[in-house]
Amino acid sequence: MATPTTTGERGGGLPFLRIAIAAQTLALLFQAVTAGMLLTSSYGETLHSVGARVMYGASMLYVVAAILAWRPGGGPARPILYASGFLVLASIQVVLGIAHKPVLHVPLGVVMFGLSLLALAQVLLPRASTSALPRP
């Protein structure tokens, strides 16, 4: 007899979620590169400003992708919390950048890049099955 399956975390929105997190991570990497260019080139500020808009858009896309992965696929709602929190961090980052507060802006950017890498690893790397572990 066939057992009904649920889509769970592997729902239809998961590839879109992976793409959104990857885009966000790449945008943050671009921001790190252009932050260094602020000190060395005349066009560094322009690139960093454009990158900030792209990064913020990628953060909003991450929220949409998390909702789409959860709603139709029946996956967990936790990625929505992560994506929303990241959008809050991105908003704070933008405000700090506009206010020219590098003492807070730079460390928050590093934290955001690390968190984005962790989120990307979480959706890209398969988890080890606990059913294969021996029982005590």
C-alpha atoms as a PDB file:
ATOM      1  CA  MET A   1       0.000   0.000   0.000  1.00  0.00           C
ATOM      2  CA  ALA A   2       1.305   3.455  -0.907  1.00  0.00           C
ATOM      3  CA  THR A   3       2.039   5.779   1.969  1.00  0.00           C
ATOM      4  CA  PRO A   4       0.988   9.398   1.494  1.00  0.00           C
ATOM      5  CA  THR A   5       3.897  11.764   1.683  1.00  0.00           C
ATOM      6  CA  THR A   6       4.045  15.366   2.703  1.00  0.00           C
ATOM      7  CA  THR A   7       6.293  17.849   1.045  1.00  0.00           C
ATOM      8  CA  GLY A   8       7.580  19.234   4.355  1.00  0.00           C
ATOM      9  CA  GLU A   9      10.834  21.133   4.044  1.00  0.00           C
ATOM     10  CA  ARG A  10      11.286  19.907   0.511  1.00  0.00           C
ATOM     11  CA  GLY A  11       8.236  21.809  -0.745  1.00  0.00           C
ATOM     12  CA  GLY A  12       7.991  23.681  -3.992  1.00  0.00           C
ATOM     13  CA  GLY A  13       9.381  26.892  -2.496  1.00  0.00           C
ATOM     14  CA  LEU A  14      12.677  25.433  -1.309  1.00  0.00           C
ATOM     15  CA  PRO A  15      14.667  26.077  -4.526  1.00  0.00           C
ATOM     16  CA  PHE A  16      13.447  29.684  -4.449  1.00  0.00           C
ATOM     17  CA  LEU A  17      14.507  29.910  -0.798  1.00  0.00           C
ATOM     18  CA  ARG A  18      17.973  28.605  -1.673  1.00  0.00           C
ATOM     19  CA  ILE A  19      18.289  31.140  -4.488  1.00  0.00           C
ATOM     20  CA  ALA A  20      17.118  33.993  -2.242  1.00  0.00           C
ATOM     21  CA  ILE A  21      19.596  33.154   0.524  1.00  0.00           C
ATOM     22  CA  ALA A  22      22.406  32.727  -2.003  1.00  0.00           C
ATOM     23  CA  ALA A  23      21.571  36.115  -3.554  1.00  0.00           C
ATOM     24  CA  GLN A  24      21.569  37.714  -0.120  1.00  0.00           C
ATOM     25  CA  THR A  25      24.920  36.150   0.772  1.00  0.00           C
ATOM     26  CA  LEU A  26      26.470  37.266  -2.519  1.00  0.00           C
ATOM     27  CA  ALA A  27      25.107  40.784  -2.022  1.00  0.00           C
ATOM     28  CA  LEU A  28      26.700  40.882   1.426  1.00  0.00           C
ATOM     29  CA  LEU A  29      30.012  39.671   0.015  1.00  0.00           C
ATOM     30  CA  PHE A  30      29.796  42.413  -2.622  1.00  0.00           C
ATOM     31  CA  GLN A  31      29.184  44.912   0.182  1.00  0.00           C
ATOM     32  CA  ALA A  32      32.338  43.760   1.964  1.00  0.00           C
ATOM     33  CA  VAL A  33      34.392  44.190  -1.210  1.00  0.00           C
ATOM     34  CA  THR A  34      32.971  47.629  -1.980  1.00  0.00           C
ATOM     35  CA  ALA A  35      33.477  48.716   1.639  1.00  0.00           C
ATOM     36  CA  GLY A  36      37.173  48.252   1.053  1.00  0.00           C
ATOM     37  CA  MET A  37      36.870  50.144  -2.219  1.00  0.00           C
ATOM     38  CA  LEU A  38      35.473  53.135  -0.314  1.00  0.00           C
ATOM     39  CA  LEU A  39      38.999  53.750   0.917  1.00  0.00           C
ATOM     40  CA  THR A  40      40.839  53.199  -2.343  1.00  0.00           C
ATOM     41  CA  SER A  41      38.759  54.421  -5.281  1.00  0.00           C
ATOM     42  CA  SER A  42      36.538  57.287  -6.322  1.00  0.00           C
ATOM     43  CA  TYR A  43      33.683  55.017  -7.382  1.00  0.00           C
ATOM     44  CA  GLY A  44      33.690  52.846  -4.235  1.00  0.00           C
ATOM     45  CA  GLU A  45      30.958  54.906  -2.590  1.00  0.00           C
ATOM     46  CA  THR A  46      28.699  54.559  -5.626  1.00  0.00           C
ATOM     47  CA  LEU A  47      29.178  50.792  -5.791  1.00  0.00           C
ATOM     48  CA  HIS A  48      28.623  50.430  -2.047  1.00  0.00           C
ATOM     49  CA  SER A  49      25.446  52.501  -2.258  1.00  0.00           C
ATOM     50  CA  VAL A  50      24.073  50.426  -5.145  1.00  0.00           C
ATOM     51  CA  GLY A  51      25.080  47.242  -3.327  1.00  0.00           C
ATOM     52  CA  ALA A  52      23.193  48.388  -0.231  1.00  0.00           C
ATOM     53  CA  ARG A  53      19.999  48.640  -2.254  1.00  0.00           C
ATOM     54  CA  VAL A  54      20.569  45.225  -3.794  1.00  0.00           C
ATOM     55  CA  MET A  55      21.303  43.691  -0.379  1.00  0.00           C
ATOM     56  CA  TYR A  56      18.139  45.193   1.089  1.00  0.00           C
ATOM     57  CA  GLY A  57      16.118  43.916  -1.867  1.00  0.00           C
ATOM     58  CA  ALA A  58      17.674  40.465  -1.435  1.00  0.00           C
ATOM     59  CA  SER A  59      16.662  40.529   2.246  1.00  0.00           C
ATOM     60  CA  MET A  60      13.074  41.294   1.250  1.00  0.00           C
ATOM     61  CA  LEU A  61      13.220  38.521  -1.343  1.00  0.00           C
ATOM     62  CA  TYR A  62      14.396  36.146   1.409  1.00  0.00           C
ATOM     63  CA  VAL A  63      11.264  36.957   3.438  1.00  0.00           C
ATOM     64  CA  VAL A  64       9.021  36.291   0.427  1.00  0.00           C
ATOM     65  CA  ALA A  65      10.854  33.041  -0.356  1.00  0.00           C
ATOM     66  CA  ALA A  66      10.566  31.869   3.256  1.00  0.00           C
ATOM     67  CA  ILE A  67       6.816  32.505   3.214  1.00  0.00           C
ATOM     68  CA  LEU A  68       6.436  30.675  -0.091  1.00  0.00           C
ATOM     69  CA  ALA A  69       8.477  27.708   1.148  1.00  0.00           C
ATOM     70  CA  TRP A  70       6.322  27.485   4.259  1.00  0.00           C
ATOM     71  CA  ARG A  71       2.802  28.136   3.028  1.00  0.00           C
ATOM     72  CA  PRO A  72       2.207  25.877   0.018  1.00  0.00           C
ATOM     73  CA  GLY A  73       4.828  23.293   0.909  1.00  0.00           C
ATOM     74  CA  GLY A  74       3.810  22.834   4.517  1.00  0.00           C
ATOM     75  CA  GLY A  75       7.380  23.345   5.664  1.00  0.00           C
ATOM     76  CA  PRO A  76       8.416  24.808   9.000  1.00  0.00           C
ATOM     77  CA  ALA A  77       7.717  28.462   9.760  1.00  0.00           C
ATOM     78  CA  ARG A  78      11.117  29.016  11.385  1.00  0.00           C
ATOM     79  CA  PRO A  79      12.786  30.325   8.170  1.00  0.00           C
ATOM     80  CA  ILE A  80      10.208  33.140   8.155  1.00  0.00           C
ATOM     81  CA  LEU A  81      11.431  34.182  11.592  1.00  0.00           C
ATOM     82  CA  TYR A  82      15.055  34.065  10.413  1.00  0.00           C
ATOM     83  CA  ALA A  83      14.270  36.032   7.253  1.00  0.00           C
ATOM     84  CA  SER A  84      12.265  38.654   9.152  1.00  0.00           C
ATOM     85  CA  GLY A  85      15.037  39.045  11.702  1.00  0.00           C
ATOM     86  CA  PHE A  86      17.529  39.437   8.915  1.00  0.00           C
ATOM     87  CA  LEU A  87      15.381  42.147   7.313  1.00  0.00           C
ATOM     88  CA  VAL A  88      15.387  43.991  10.652  1.00  0.00           C
ATOM     89  CA  LEU A  89      19.201  43.715  10.783  1.00  0.00           C
ATOM     90  CA  ALA A  90      19.419  44.966   7.197  1.00  0.00           C
ATOM     91  CA  SER A  91      17.228  47.943   8.097  1.00  0.00           C
ATOM     92  CA  ILE A  92      19.463  48.787  11.054  1.00  0.00           C
ATOM     93  CA  GLN A  93      22.507  48.383   8.808  1.00  0.00           C
ATOM     94  CA  VAL A  94      21.108  50.840   6.263  1.00  0.00           C
ATOM     95  CA  VAL A  95      20.343  53.401   8.970  1.00  0.00           C
ATOM     96  CA  LEU A  96      23.845  53.039  10.428  1.00  0.00           C
ATOM     97  CA  GLY A  97      25.400  53.401   6.985  1.00  0.00           C
ATOM     98  CA  ILE A  98      23.434  56.550   6.181  1.00  0.00           C
ATOM     99  CA  ALA A  99      24.364  57.971   9.605  1.00  0.00           C
ATOM    100  CA  HIS A 100      28.057  57.232   8.867  1.00  0.00           C
ATOM    101  CA  LYS A 101      28.555  55.140  12.038  1.00  0.00           C
ATOM    102  CA  PRO A 102      31.278  52.706  10.920  1.00  0.00           C
ATOM    103  CA  VAL A 103      31.946  51.661  14.523  1.00  0.00           C
ATOM    104  CA  LEU A 104      28.581  49.849  14.480  1.00  0.00           C
ATOM    105  CA  HIS A 105      28.048  49.473  10.728  1.00  0.00           C
ATOM    106  CA  VAL A 106      31.141  47.355  10.020  1.00  0.00           C
ATOM    107  CA  PRO A 107      30.755  44.779  12.840  1.00  0.00           C
ATOM    108  CA  LEU A 108      27.047  44.396  12.069  1.00  0.00           C
ATOM    109  CA  GLY A 109      27.950  43.766   8.422  1.00  0.00           C
ATOM    110  CA  VAL A 110      30.355  41.018   9.469  1.00  0.00           C
ATOM    111  CA  VAL A 111      27.697  39.441  11.699  1.00  0.00           C
ATOM    112  CA  MET A 112      25.137  39.633   8.898  1.00  0.00           C
ATOM    113  CA  PHE A 113      27.488  37.926   6.452  1.00  0.00           C
ATOM    114  CA  GLY A 114      28.169  35.145   8.963  1.00  0.00           C
ATOM    115  CA  LEU A 115      24.460  34.654   9.650  1.00  0.00           C
ATOM    116  CA  SER A 116      23.698  34.594   5.949  1.00  0.00           C
ATOM    117  CA  LEU A 117      26.387  31.947   5.386  1.00  0.00           C
ATOM    118  CA  LEU A 118      24.885  29.853   8.188  1.00  0.00           C
ATOM    119  CA  ALA A 119      21.390  30.171   6.687  1.00  0.00           C
ATOM    120  CA  LEU A 120      22.769  29.212   3.270  1.00  0.00           C
ATOM    121  CA  ALA A 121      24.569  26.182   4.706  1.00  0.00           C
ATOM    122  CA  GLN A 122      21.389  25.161   6.506  1.00  0.00           C
ATOM    123  CA  VAL A 123      19.372  24.969   3.273  1.00  0.00           C
ATOM    124  CA  LEU A 124      22.155  23.590   1.063  1.00  0.00           C
ATOM    125  CA  LEU A 125      23.752  20.908   3.222  1.00  0.00           C
ATOM    126  CA  PRO A 126      21.708  17.820   4.026  1.00  0.00           C
ATOM    127  CA  ARG A 127      21.326  17.003   7.675  1.00  0.00           C
ATOM    128  CA  ALA A 128      22.482  13.681   9.058  1.00  0.00           C
ATOM    129  CA  SER A 129      19.619  11.368   9.812  1.00  0.00           C
ATOM    130  CA  THR A 130      19.231  10.572  13.489  1.00  0.00           C
ATOM    131  CA  SER A 131      17.501   7.281  12.632  1.00  0.00           C
ATOM    132  CA  ALA A 132      20.839   5.816  11.526  1.00  0.00           C
ATOM    133  CA  LEU A 133      22.359   6.316  14.989  1.00  0.00           C
ATOM    134  CA  PRO A 134      22.538   3.340  17.300  1.00  0.00           C
ATOM    135  CA  ARG A 135      20.121   3.403  20.196  1.00  0.00           C
ATOM    136  CA  PRO A 136      21.504   3.092  23.736  1.00  0.00           C
END
